[in-house]
Amino acid sequence: MDQPVAPRPSYVTALHHGILQSRVNTALKRLARCRLCPKHCEANRLADEKGECHTGRLAMVSSTHLHFGEESPLVGTGGSGTIFFTHCNLSCVYCQNYDISHLGHGYAVTAPQLASLMLRLQHAGAHNINLVSPSHVVAQILEALLLAAQAGLRIPLVFNSGGYDALPTLRLVEGIVDIYMPDAKYGDPEVGQRLSRVDDYPTVNRQAILEMHRQVGPLTLDASGIATRGLLVRHLVLPASLADSRTILRFLAQHVSTTTYVHIMDEYRPCFLASDHEQLARPLRRSEYEFVMQVAREEGLEPR
């Protein structure tokens, strides 16, 4: 019996129609006065000027590997092919990967080198290329993806972001990204300012999630339960209800879809500068996590 043919990644179609090359050209031009992320710092990153993200012309990578700790639709049996980009467009005081996002541990990669990393992960058996913290390096990713696709990359592309993404940049990757996996961190802008140094997180995040859903729809799995396309939203439960979880979950249910794949995460622990904030200076209680799971069900969602 013939095995079902896996759907072709979106970027392959974009490659064949010349769309991918066009998006690369547009994205690189935008680096000259960078507005790729919502901070709009307008640094000339083409000239290697460092923007708010502390990243110039070249993307920086901290690590690449087959990741078996991601959501099951991404991991399958072969693992998710993660590429962790250094730095971030958020400044979360409790970041568990602060050595990467804040301290800048990593190394610069050219487009051919980044393309080679993608191809190596595919060769190692990855089900997808999982771009972690891609928001500030979209231009560099597209530049590398063009080379990788020309050389035979054929697995889905995952955009794994903090959820603070600019609409014009998301539209640059429309028809190229297969799976969006944004965070939905805060329902209260004041908390976003205090904990991640952005005062418009809820507004930007909601616009981004709506755009992502418009592009790819709900999460779609193949016969083996592996994600091939769609939206997967992560929500980290914070101590003392700081995330305002009900506001976030109600938005997803009422304005995106009650079928949205929502991963409610209980992994919070005090890291980095969390001890400087009284409410964050302790681990999450099991009762706080269970309460948010119940809220999700009350709002009509099926939390994972």
C-alpha atoms as a PDB file:
ATOM      1  CA  MET A   1       0.000   0.000   0.000  1.00  0.00           C
ATOM      2  CA  ASP A   2       1.355   3.430  -0.925  1.00  0.00           C
ATOM      3  CA  GLN A   3       2.302   5.741   1.935  1.00  0.00           C
ATOM      4  CA  PRO A   4       0.547   9.135   1.978  1.00  0.00           C
ATOM      5  CA  VAL A   5       2.655  11.920   0.531  1.00  0.00           C
ATOM      6  CA  ALA A   6       3.583  14.610   3.055  1.00  0.00           C
ATOM      7  CA  PRO A   7       2.351  18.061   2.095  1.00  0.00           C
ATOM      8  CA  ARG A   8       4.975  20.263   0.498  1.00  0.00           C
ATOM      9  CA  PRO A   9       6.264  23.051   2.764  1.00  0.00           C
ATOM     10  CA  SER A  10       4.992  26.492   1.856  1.00  0.00           C
ATOM     11  CA  TYR A  11       8.432  27.907   1.125  1.00  0.00           C
ATOM     12  CA  VAL A  12       9.022  25.346  -1.646  1.00  0.00           C
ATOM     13  CA  THR A  13       6.082  26.740  -3.602  1.00  0.00           C
ATOM     14  CA  ALA A  14       7.357  30.261  -2.839  1.00  0.00           C
ATOM     15  CA  LEU A  15      10.785  29.245  -4.163  1.00  0.00           C
ATOM     16  CA  HIS A  16       9.449  27.919  -7.449  1.00  0.00           C
ATOM     17  CA  HIS A  17       7.326  31.025  -8.072  1.00  0.00           C
ATOM     18  CA  GLY A  18      10.133  33.477  -7.333  1.00  0.00           C
ATOM     19  CA  ILE A  19       8.324  34.732  -4.238  1.00  0.00           C
ATOM     20  CA  LEU A  20      11.029  33.641  -1.819  1.00  0.00           C
ATOM     21  CA  GLN A  21      13.740  35.564  -3.673  1.00  0.00           C
ATOM     22  CA  SER A  22      11.527  38.664  -3.758  1.00  0.00           C
ATOM     23  CA  ARG A  23      10.893  38.459   0.002  1.00  0.00           C
ATOM     24  CA  VAL A  24      14.623  38.123   0.659  1.00  0.00           C
ATOM     25  CA  ASN A  25      15.290  41.288  -1.310  1.00  0.00           C
ATOM     26  CA  THR A  26      12.573  43.213   0.526  1.00  0.00           C
ATOM     27  CA  ALA A  27      13.636  42.007   3.968  1.00  0.00           C
ATOM     28  CA  LEU A  28      17.288  42.889   3.442  1.00  0.00           C
ATOM     29  CA  LYS A  29      16.351  46.403   2.313  1.00  0.00           C
ATOM     30  CA  ARG A  30      14.390  46.852   5.536  1.00  0.00           C
ATOM     31  CA  LEU A  31      17.533  46.157   7.549  1.00  0.00           C
ATOM     32  CA  ALA A  32      18.924  49.526   6.413  1.00  0.00           C
ATOM     33  CA  ARG A  33      16.415  51.276   8.717  1.00  0.00           C
ATOM     34  CA  CYS A  34      15.303  48.338  10.751  1.00  0.00           C
ATOM     35  CA  ARG A  35      11.638  48.112  11.641  1.00  0.00           C
ATOM     36  CA  LEU A  36      11.438  44.334  11.532  1.00  0.00           C
ATOM     37  CA  CYS A  37      10.193  44.137  15.111  1.00  0.00           C
ATOM     38  CA  PRO A  38       7.651  46.404  16.834  1.00  0.00           C
ATOM     39  CA  LYS A  39      10.382  48.448  18.528  1.00  0.00           C
ATOM     40  CA  HIS A  40      11.150  50.177  15.187  1.00  0.00           C
ATOM     41  CA  CYS A  41      14.638  51.259  16.265  1.00  0.00           C
ATOM     42  CA  GLU A  42      15.661  52.037  12.638  1.00  0.00           C
ATOM     43  CA  ALA A  43      19.277  50.954  13.154  1.00  0.00           C
ATOM     44  CA  ASN A  44      21.248  50.478   9.932  1.00  0.00           C
ATOM     45  CA  ARG A  45      21.833  46.797  10.404  1.00  0.00           C
ATOM     46  CA  LEU A  46      23.022  46.411   6.819  1.00  0.00           C
ATOM     47  CA  ALA A  47      26.053  48.430   7.961  1.00  0.00           C
ATOM     48  CA  ASP A  48      26.297  46.170  11.031  1.00  0.00           C
ATOM     49  CA  GLU A  49      24.858  48.776  13.382  1.00  0.00           C
ATOM     50  CA  LYS A  50      23.381  47.033  16.394  1.00  0.00           C
ATOM     51  CA  GLY A  51      19.707  47.688  17.032  1.00  0.00           C
ATOM     52  CA  GLU A  52      17.579  47.256  20.130  1.00  0.00           C
ATOM     53  CA  CYS A  53      18.080  43.526  19.620  1.00  0.00           C
ATOM     54  CA  HIS A  54      21.898  43.869  19.832  1.00  0.00           C
ATOM     55  CA  THR A  55      22.162  42.156  16.447  1.00  0.00           C
ATOM     56  CA  GLY A  56      23.738  43.633  13.330  1.00  0.00           C
ATOM     57  CA  ARG A  57      24.038  42.319   9.782  1.00  0.00           C
ATOM     58  CA  LEU A  58      24.538  38.669  10.694  1.00  0.00           C
ATOM     59  CA  ALA A  59      22.256  36.503  12.769  1.00  0.00           C
ATOM     60  CA  MET A  60      23.778  34.889  15.817  1.00  0.00           C
ATOM     61  CA  VAL A  61      23.081  31.291  16.823  1.00  0.00           C
ATOM     62  CA  SER A  62      23.575  29.813  20.263  1.00  0.00           C
ATOM     63  CA  SER A  63      22.886  26.165  19.443  1.00  0.00           C
ATOM     64  CA  THR A  64      21.207  23.744  17.051  1.00  0.00           C
ATOM     65  CA  HIS A  65      19.987  20.259  17.851  1.00  0.00           C
ATOM     66  CA  LEU A  66      17.177  17.752  17.660  1.00  0.00           C
ATOM     67  CA  HIS A  67      14.848  18.828  20.474  1.00  0.00           C
ATOM     68  CA  PHE A  68      12.656  16.215  22.157  1.00  0.00           C
ATOM     69  CA  GLY A  69      11.195  18.532  24.801  1.00  0.00           C
ATOM     70  CA  GLU A  70       8.915  20.540  22.535  1.00  0.00           C
ATOM     71  CA  GLU A  71       5.202  19.904  21.991  1.00  0.00           C
ATOM     72  CA  SER A  72       4.447  16.369  20.793  1.00  0.00           C
ATOM     73  CA  PRO A  73       3.118  17.444  17.344  1.00  0.00           C
ATOM     74  CA  LEU A  74       6.547  18.952  16.657  1.00  0.00           C
ATOM     75  CA  VAL A  75       8.698  16.239  18.215  1.00  0.00           C
ATOM     76  CA  GLY A  76       7.259  12.991  16.855  1.00  0.00           C
ATOM     77  CA  THR A  77       9.910  10.290  16.732  1.00  0.00           C
ATOM     78  CA  GLY A  78      12.687  12.262  15.051  1.00  0.00           C
ATOM     79  CA  GLY A  79      12.667  15.424  17.128  1.00  0.00           C
ATOM     80  CA  SER A  80      12.192  19.075  16.285  1.00  0.00           C
ATOM     81  CA  GLY A  81      15.167  20.623  14.506  1.00  0.00           C
ATOM     82  CA  THR A  82      15.719  23.668  16.698  1.00  0.00           C
ATOM     83  CA  ILE A  83      17.928  26.627  15.871  1.00  0.00           C
ATOM     84  CA  PHE A  84      18.259  28.927  18.888  1.00  0.00           C
ATOM     85  CA  PHE A  85      18.985  32.498  17.846  1.00  0.00           C
ATOM     86  CA  THR A  86      20.955  34.710  20.188  1.00  0.00           C
ATOM     87  CA  HIS A  87      19.345  37.856  21.619  1.00  0.00           C
ATOM     88  CA  CYS A  88      15.659  38.731  21.564  1.00  0.00           C
ATOM     89  CA  ASN A  89      13.318  41.666  21.011  1.00  0.00           C
ATOM     90  CA  LEU A  90      11.944  41.273  24.546  1.00  0.00           C
ATOM     91  CA  SER A  91      13.746  41.707  27.872  1.00  0.00           C
ATOM     92  CA  CYS A  92      11.915  39.292  30.159  1.00  0.00           C
ATOM     93  CA  VAL A  93      13.291  39.535  33.684  1.00  0.00           C
ATOM     94  CA  TYR A  94      12.540  35.845  34.364  1.00  0.00           C
ATOM     95  CA  CYS A  95      13.952  34.412  31.112  1.00  0.00           C
ATOM     96  CA  GLN A  96      15.130  30.820  31.524  1.00  0.00           C
ATOM     97  CA  ASN A  97      17.469  31.232  28.542  1.00  0.00           C
ATOM     98  CA  TYR A  98      18.937  34.529  29.763  1.00  0.00           C
ATOM     99  CA  ASP A  99      22.482  33.474  28.829  1.00  0.00           C
ATOM    100  CA  ILE A 100      21.306  33.445  25.211  1.00  0.00           C
ATOM    101  CA  SER A 101      18.717  36.214  25.098  1.00  0.00           C
ATOM    102  CA  HIS A 102      20.336  38.713  27.504  1.00  0.00           C
ATOM    103  CA  LEU A 103      24.008  37.808  27.768  1.00  0.00           C
ATOM    104  CA  GLY A 104      24.435  37.101  24.061  1.00  0.00           C
ATOM    105  CA  HIS A 105      26.098  33.697  24.149  1.00  0.00           C
ATOM    106  CA  GLY A 106      26.397  32.511  20.567  1.00  0.00           C
ATOM    107  CA  TYR A 107      28.252  32.936  17.298  1.00  0.00           C
ATOM    108  CA  ALA A 108      27.606  34.849  14.091  1.00  0.00           C
ATOM    109  CA  VAL A 109      26.504  32.902  11.021  1.00  0.00           C
ATOM    110  CA  THR A 110      26.470  33.849   7.354  1.00  0.00           C
ATOM    111  CA  ALA A 111      23.519  32.886   5.153  1.00  0.00           C
ATOM    112  CA  PRO A 112      25.331  29.810   3.714  1.00  0.00           C
ATOM    113  CA  GLN A 113      26.271  28.689   7.222  1.00  0.00           C
ATOM    114  CA  LEU A 114      22.697  29.057   8.491  1.00  0.00           C
ATOM    115  CA  ALA A 115      21.396  27.198   5.434  1.00  0.00           C
ATOM    116  CA  SER A 116      23.853  24.397   6.181  1.00  0.00           C
ATOM    117  CA  LEU A 117      22.535  24.127   9.757  1.00  0.00           C
ATOM    118  CA  MET A 118      18.995  23.727   8.423  1.00  0.00           C
ATOM    119  CA  LEU A 119      20.054  21.014   5.991  1.00  0.00           C
ATOM    120  CA  ARG A 120      22.014  19.143   8.670  1.00  0.00           C
ATOM    121  CA  LEU A 121      18.960  19.029  10.915  1.00  0.00           C
ATOM    122  CA  GLN A 122      16.862  17.651   8.068  1.00  0.00           C
ATOM    123  CA  HIS A 123      19.529  15.019   7.369  1.00  0.00           C
ATOM    124  CA  ALA A 124      19.538  14.081  11.077  1.00  0.00           C
ATOM    125  CA  GLY A 125      15.825  13.214  10.870  1.00  0.00           C
ATOM    126  CA  ALA A 126      14.135  16.360  12.172  1.00  0.00           C
ATOM    127  CA  HIS A 127      10.430  16.687  11.442  1.00  0.00           C
ATOM    128  CA  ASN A 128      10.733  20.466  11.070  1.00  0.00           C
ATOM    129  CA  ILE A 129      13.060  23.445  11.312  1.00  0.00           C
ATOM    130  CA  ASN A 130      12.151  25.182  14.573  1.00  0.00           C
ATOM    131  CA  LEU A 131      13.362  28.796  14.568  1.00  0.00           C
ATOM    132  CA  VAL A 132      13.548  29.908  18.207  1.00  0.00           C
ATOM    133  CA  SER A 133      13.456  33.710  18.781  1.00  0.00           C
ATOM    134  CA  PRO A 134      13.345  34.604  15.066  1.00  0.00           C
ATOM    135  CA  SER A 135      11.561  37.973  15.275  1.00  0.00           C
ATOM    136  CA  HIS A 136      14.686  40.149  15.015  1.00  0.00           C
ATOM    137  CA  VAL A 137      16.458  38.050  12.356  1.00  0.00           C
ATOM    138  CA  VAL A 138      13.686  37.433   9.810  1.00  0.00           C
ATOM    139  CA  ALA A 139      15.747  38.944   6.984  1.00  0.00           C
ATOM    140  CA  GLN A 140      18.722  36.695   7.736  1.00  0.00           C
ATOM    141  CA  ILE A 141      16.458  33.642   8.023  1.00  0.00           C
ATOM    142  CA  LEU A 142      14.866  34.302   4.639  1.00  0.00           C
ATOM    143  CA  GLU A 143      18.292  34.804   3.070  1.00  0.00           C
ATOM    144  CA  ALA A 144      19.441  31.420   4.394  1.00  0.00           C
ATOM    145  CA  LEU A 145      16.155  29.669   3.664  1.00  0.00           C
ATOM    146  CA  LEU A 146      16.446  30.539  -0.010  1.00  0.00           C
ATOM    147  CA  LEU A 147      19.797  28.743  -0.186  1.00  0.00           C
ATOM    148  CA  ALA A 148      18.572  25.794   1.878  1.00  0.00           C
ATOM    149  CA  ALA A 149      15.440  25.338  -0.223  1.00  0.00           C
ATOM    150  CA  GLN A 150      17.498  25.464  -3.415  1.00  0.00           C
ATOM    151  CA  ALA A 151      19.702  22.740  -1.912  1.00  0.00           C
ATOM    152  CA  GLY A 152      16.774  20.461  -1.013  1.00  0.00           C
ATOM    153  CA  LEU A 153      15.271  21.530   2.313  1.00  0.00           C
ATOM    154  CA  ARG A 154      11.777  20.041   2.404  1.00  0.00           C
ATOM    155  CA  ILE A 155      10.497  19.965   6.005  1.00  0.00           C
ATOM    156  CA  PRO A 156       8.055  22.461   7.608  1.00  0.00           C
ATOM    157  CA  LEU A 157       9.312  25.764   8.962  1.00  0.00           C
ATOM    158  CA  VAL A 158       8.286  26.704  12.526  1.00  0.00           C
ATOM    159  CA  PHE A 159       8.277  30.356  13.655  1.00  0.00           C
ATOM    160  CA  ASN A 160       8.740  30.028  17.432  1.00  0.00           C
ATOM    161  CA  SER A 161       8.520  33.554  18.844  1.00  0.00           C
ATOM    162  CA  GLY A 162       7.814  35.486  22.012  1.00  0.00           C
ATOM    163  CA  GLY A 163       4.665  36.760  20.325  1.00  0.00           C
ATOM    164  CA  TYR A 164       5.941  40.330  19.990  1.00  0.00           C
ATOM    165  CA  ASP A 165       5.924  40.467  16.197  1.00  0.00           C
ATOM    166  CA  ALA A 166       5.305  43.277  13.720  1.00  0.00           C
ATOM    167  CA  LEU A 167       2.528  42.790  11.175  1.00  0.00           C
ATOM    168  CA  PRO A 168       4.569  43.947   8.135  1.00  0.00           C
ATOM    169  CA  THR A 169       7.255  41.408   9.037  1.00  0.00           C
ATOM    170  CA  LEU A 170       4.735  38.604   9.478  1.00  0.00           C
ATOM    171  CA  ARG A 171       3.378  39.441   6.035  1.00  0.00           C
ATOM    172  CA  LEU A 172       6.900  39.082   4.664  1.00  0.00           C
ATOM    173  CA  VAL A 173       6.854  35.432   5.706  1.00  0.00           C
ATOM    174  CA  GLU A 174       3.286  34.717   4.586  1.00  0.00           C
ATOM    175  CA  GLY A 175       3.312  31.678   2.336  1.00  0.00           C
ATOM    176  CA  ILE A 176       6.759  30.760   3.664  1.00  0.00           C
ATOM    177  CA  VAL A 177       6.233  29.833   7.325  1.00  0.00           C
ATOM    178  CA  ASP A 178       4.221  26.643   7.809  1.00  0.00           C
ATOM    179  CA  ILE A 179       3.724  26.626  11.581  1.00  0.00           C
ATOM    180  CA  TYR A 180       3.516  29.596  13.923  1.00  0.00           C
ATOM    181  CA  MET A 181       4.220  28.986  17.606  1.00  0.00           C
ATOM    182  CA  PRO A 182       3.970  32.335  19.447  1.00  0.00           C
ATOM    183  CA  ASP A 183       3.837  32.983  23.153  1.00  0.00           C
ATOM    184  CA  ALA A 184       0.860  34.810  24.617  1.00  0.00           C
ATOM    185  CA  LYS A 185       2.531  36.222  27.714  1.00  0.00           C
ATOM    186  CA  TYR A 186       0.433  39.015  29.240  1.00  0.00           C
ATOM    187  CA  GLY A 187      -3.068  40.392  29.247  1.00  0.00           C
ATOM    188  CA  ASP A 188      -2.057  43.585  31.073  1.00  0.00           C
ATOM    189  CA  PRO A 189       0.222  46.126  29.333  1.00  0.00           C
ATOM    190  CA  GLU A 190       1.604  47.406  32.634  1.00  0.00           C
ATOM    191  CA  VAL A 191       2.846  43.936  33.507  1.00  0.00           C
ATOM    192  CA  GLY A 192       4.397  43.644  30.047  1.00  0.00           C
ATOM    193  CA  GLN A 193       6.283  46.872  30.648  1.00  0.00           C
ATOM    194  CA  ARG A 194       7.427  45.809  34.100  1.00  0.00           C
ATOM    195  CA  LEU A 195       8.501  42.290  33.214  1.00  0.00           C
ATOM    196  CA  SER A 196       9.513  42.510  29.537  1.00  0.00           C
ATOM    197  CA  ARG A 197      10.083  46.256  28.975  1.00  0.00           C
ATOM    198  CA  VAL A 198       7.401  46.716  26.312  1.00  0.00           C
ATOM    199  CA  ASP A 199       4.286  48.728  27.097  1.00  0.00           C
ATOM    200  CA  ASP A 200       2.153  47.458  24.210  1.00  0.00           C
ATOM    201  CA  TYR A 201       2.576  43.698  24.481  1.00  0.00           C
ATOM    202  CA  PRO A 202      -1.133  42.706  24.620  1.00  0.00           C
ATOM    203  CA  THR A 203      -2.074  44.833  21.594  1.00  0.00           C
ATOM    204  CA  VAL A 204       0.877  43.721  19.478  1.00  0.00           C
ATOM    205  CA  ASN A 205       0.473  40.099  20.531  1.00  0.00           C
ATOM    206  CA  ARG A 206      -3.216  39.925  19.681  1.00  0.00           C
ATOM    207  CA  GLN A 207      -2.674  41.490  16.265  1.00  0.00           C
ATOM    208  CA  ALA A 208       0.176  39.073  15.591  1.00  0.00           C
ATOM    209  CA  ILE A 209      -1.781  35.977  16.615  1.00  0.00           C
ATOM    210  CA  LEU A 210      -4.758  37.001  14.480  1.00  0.00           C
ATOM    211  CA  GLU A 211      -2.439  37.495  11.501  1.00  0.00           C
ATOM    212  CA  MET A 212      -0.723  34.174  12.077  1.00  0.00           C
ATOM    213  CA  HIS A 213      -4.060  32.391  12.245  1.00  0.00           C
ATOM    214  CA  ARG A 214      -5.233  34.138   9.086  1.00  0.00           C
ATOM    215  CA  GLN A 215      -2.170  32.864   7.269  1.00  0.00           C
ATOM    216  CA  VAL A 216      -2.036  29.232   8.385  1.00  0.00           C
ATOM    217  CA  GLY A 217      -5.303  28.406  10.213  1.00  0.00           C
ATOM    218  CA  PRO A 218      -5.627  25.846  13.010  1.00  0.00           C
ATOM    219  CA  LEU A 219      -2.908  23.280  13.642  1.00  0.00           C
ATOM    220  CA  THR A 220      -3.025  20.426  11.131  1.00  0.00           C
ATOM    221  CA  LEU A 221      -1.490  17.030  11.848  1.00  0.00           C
ATOM    222  CA  ASP A 222      -0.555  14.224   9.478  1.00  0.00           C
ATOM    223  CA  ALA A 223      -1.518  10.570   9.953  1.00  0.00           C
ATOM    224  CA  SER A 224       1.353  10.140  12.424  1.00  0.00           C
ATOM    225  CA  GLY A 225       0.303  13.092  14.550  1.00  0.00           C
ATOM    226  CA  ILE A 226       3.078  15.364  13.282  1.00  0.00           C
ATOM    227  CA  ALA A 227       2.234  19.023  12.677  1.00  0.00           C
ATOM    228  CA  THR A 228       2.421  20.125   9.063  1.00  0.00           C
ATOM    229  CA  ARG A 229       0.777  23.548   9.194  1.00  0.00           C
ATOM    230  CA  GLY A 230      -1.111  25.886  11.491  1.00  0.00           C
ATOM    231  CA  LEU A 231      -1.060  27.847  14.732  1.00  0.00           C
ATOM    232  CA  LEU A 232       0.082  26.609  18.142  1.00  0.00           C
ATOM    233  CA  VAL A 233      -0.061  29.122  21.026  1.00  0.00           C
ATOM    234  CA  ARG A 234       1.982  28.858  24.206  1.00  0.00           C
ATOM    235  CA  HIS A 235       0.942  30.448  27.476  1.00  0.00           C
ATOM    236  CA  LEU A 236       3.262  30.336  30.482  1.00  0.00           C
ATOM    237  CA  VAL A 237       1.393  30.544  33.790  1.00  0.00           C
ATOM    238  CA  LEU A 238       3.084  33.050  36.106  1.00  0.00           C
ATOM    239  CA  PRO A 239       2.823  33.207  39.905  1.00  0.00           C
ATOM    240  CA  ALA A 240       0.219  35.459  41.516  1.00  0.00           C
ATOM    241  CA  SER A 241      -1.888  35.615  38.319  1.00  0.00           C
ATOM    242  CA  LEU A 242       0.590  38.087  36.810  1.00  0.00           C
ATOM    243  CA  ALA A 243      -0.062  36.881  33.268  1.00  0.00           C
ATOM    244  CA  ASP A 244      -3.794  37.716  33.485  1.00  0.00           C
ATOM    245  CA  SER A 245      -4.472  34.329  31.926  1.00  0.00           C
ATOM    246  CA  ARG A 246      -8.249  34.643  31.647  1.00  0.00           C
ATOM    247  CA  THR A 247      -7.960  37.745  29.450  1.00  0.00           C
ATOM    248  CA  ILE A 248      -5.580  35.912  27.116  1.00  0.00           C
ATOM    249  CA  LEU A 249      -7.587  32.706  26.953  1.00  0.00           C
ATOM    250  CA  ARG A 250     -10.863  34.565  26.413  1.00  0.00           C
ATOM    251  CA  PHE A 251      -9.295  36.439  23.503  1.00  0.00           C
ATOM    252  CA  LEU A 252      -8.132  33.187  21.915  1.00  0.00           C
ATOM    253  CA  ALA A 253     -11.541  31.570  22.325  1.00  0.00           C
ATOM    254  CA  GLN A 254     -13.631  34.523  21.184  1.00  0.00           C
ATOM    255  CA  HIS A 255     -11.454  36.118  18.504  1.00  0.00           C
ATOM    256  CA  VAL A 256      -9.241  33.337  17.137  1.00  0.00           C
ATOM    257  CA  SER A 257     -10.957  29.951  17.560  1.00  0.00           C
ATOM    258  CA  THR A 258     -12.013  27.575  20.310  1.00  0.00           C
ATOM    259  CA  THR A 259     -10.115  24.927  18.330  1.00  0.00           C
ATOM    260  CA  THR A 260      -6.817  26.789  18.785  1.00  0.00           C
ATOM    261  CA  TYR A 261      -4.075  24.478  20.015  1.00  0.00           C
ATOM    262  CA  VAL A 262      -3.133  26.116  23.324  1.00  0.00           C
ATOM    263  CA  HIS A 263      -0.271  24.740  25.374  1.00  0.00           C
ATOM    264  CA  ILE A 264      -0.619  26.002  28.943  1.00  0.00           C
ATOM    265  CA  MET A 265       2.824  25.717  30.455  1.00  0.00           C
ATOM    266  CA  ASP A 266       3.703  25.074  34.102  1.00  0.00           C
ATOM    267  CA  GLU A 267       7.480  25.393  33.654  1.00  0.00           C
ATOM    268  CA  TYR A 268       7.894  28.730  35.427  1.00  0.00           C
ATOM    269  CA  ARG A 269      10.715  28.922  37.944  1.00  0.00           C
ATOM    270  CA  PRO A 270      12.609  31.944  39.272  1.00  0.00           C
ATOM    271  CA  CYS A 271      15.485  32.674  36.876  1.00  0.00           C
ATOM    272  CA  PHE A 272      17.738  35.580  35.951  1.00  0.00           C
ATOM    273  CA  LEU A 273      16.352  38.727  37.658  1.00  0.00           C
ATOM    274  CA  ALA A 274      13.134  37.178  38.971  1.00  0.00           C
ATOM    275  CA  SER A 275      14.315  37.396  42.562  1.00  0.00           C
ATOM    276  CA  ASP A 276      14.197  41.197  42.271  1.00  0.00           C
ATOM    277  CA  HIS A 277      10.409  40.973  41.869  1.00  0.00           C
ATOM    278  CA  GLU A 278       8.582  39.766  44.956  1.00  0.00           C
ATOM    279  CA  GLN A 279       5.760  38.020  43.106  1.00  0.00           C
ATOM    280  CA  LEU A 280       8.164  36.198  40.776  1.00  0.00           C
ATOM    281  CA  ALA A 281      10.651  35.113  43.429  1.00  0.00           C
ATOM    282  CA  ARG A 282       9.005  31.740  44.030  1.00  0.00           C
ATOM    283  CA  PRO A 283       8.120  28.713  41.911  1.00  0.00           C
ATOM    284  CA  LEU A 284       4.661  28.321  40.428  1.00  0.00           C
ATOM    285  CA  ARG A 285       2.190  26.516  42.670  1.00  0.00           C
ATOM    286  CA  ARG A 286       0.364  23.514  41.280  1.00  0.00           C
ATOM    287  CA  SER A 287      -2.947  25.093  42.275  1.00  0.00           C
ATOM    288  CA  GLU A 288      -2.163  28.175  40.148  1.00  0.00           C
ATOM    289  CA  TYR A 289      -1.535  26.023  37.096  1.00  0.00           C
ATOM    290  CA  GLU A 290      -4.658  23.923  37.643  1.00  0.00           C
ATOM    291  CA  PHE A 291      -6.719  27.085  38.035  1.00  0.00           C
ATOM    292  CA  VAL A 292      -5.598  28.363  34.615  1.00  0.00           C
ATOM    293  CA  MET A 293      -6.340  24.974  33.031  1.00  0.00           C
ATOM    294  CA  GLN A 294      -9.860  25.239  34.429  1.00  0.00           C
ATOM    295  CA  VAL A 295     -10.199  28.807  33.137  1.00  0.00           C
ATOM    296  CA  ALA A 296      -9.261  27.612  29.665  1.00  0.00           C
ATOM    297  CA  ARG A 297     -11.978  24.980  29.766  1.00  0.00           C
ATOM    298  CA  GLU A 298     -14.493  27.534  31.030  1.00  0.00           C
ATOM    299  CA  GLU A 299     -13.658  29.724  28.038  1.00  0.00           C
ATOM    300  CA  GLY A 300     -14.357  26.842  25.657  1.00  0.00           C
ATOM    301  CA  LEU A 301     -10.784  25.834  24.845  1.00  0.00           C
ATOM    302  CA  GLU A 302      -9.197  22.393  25.049  1.00  0.00           C
ATOM    303  CA  PRO A 303      -5.868  23.165  26.744  1.00  0.00           C
ATOM    304  CA  ARG A 304      -2.895  20.861  26.349  1.00  0.00           C
END
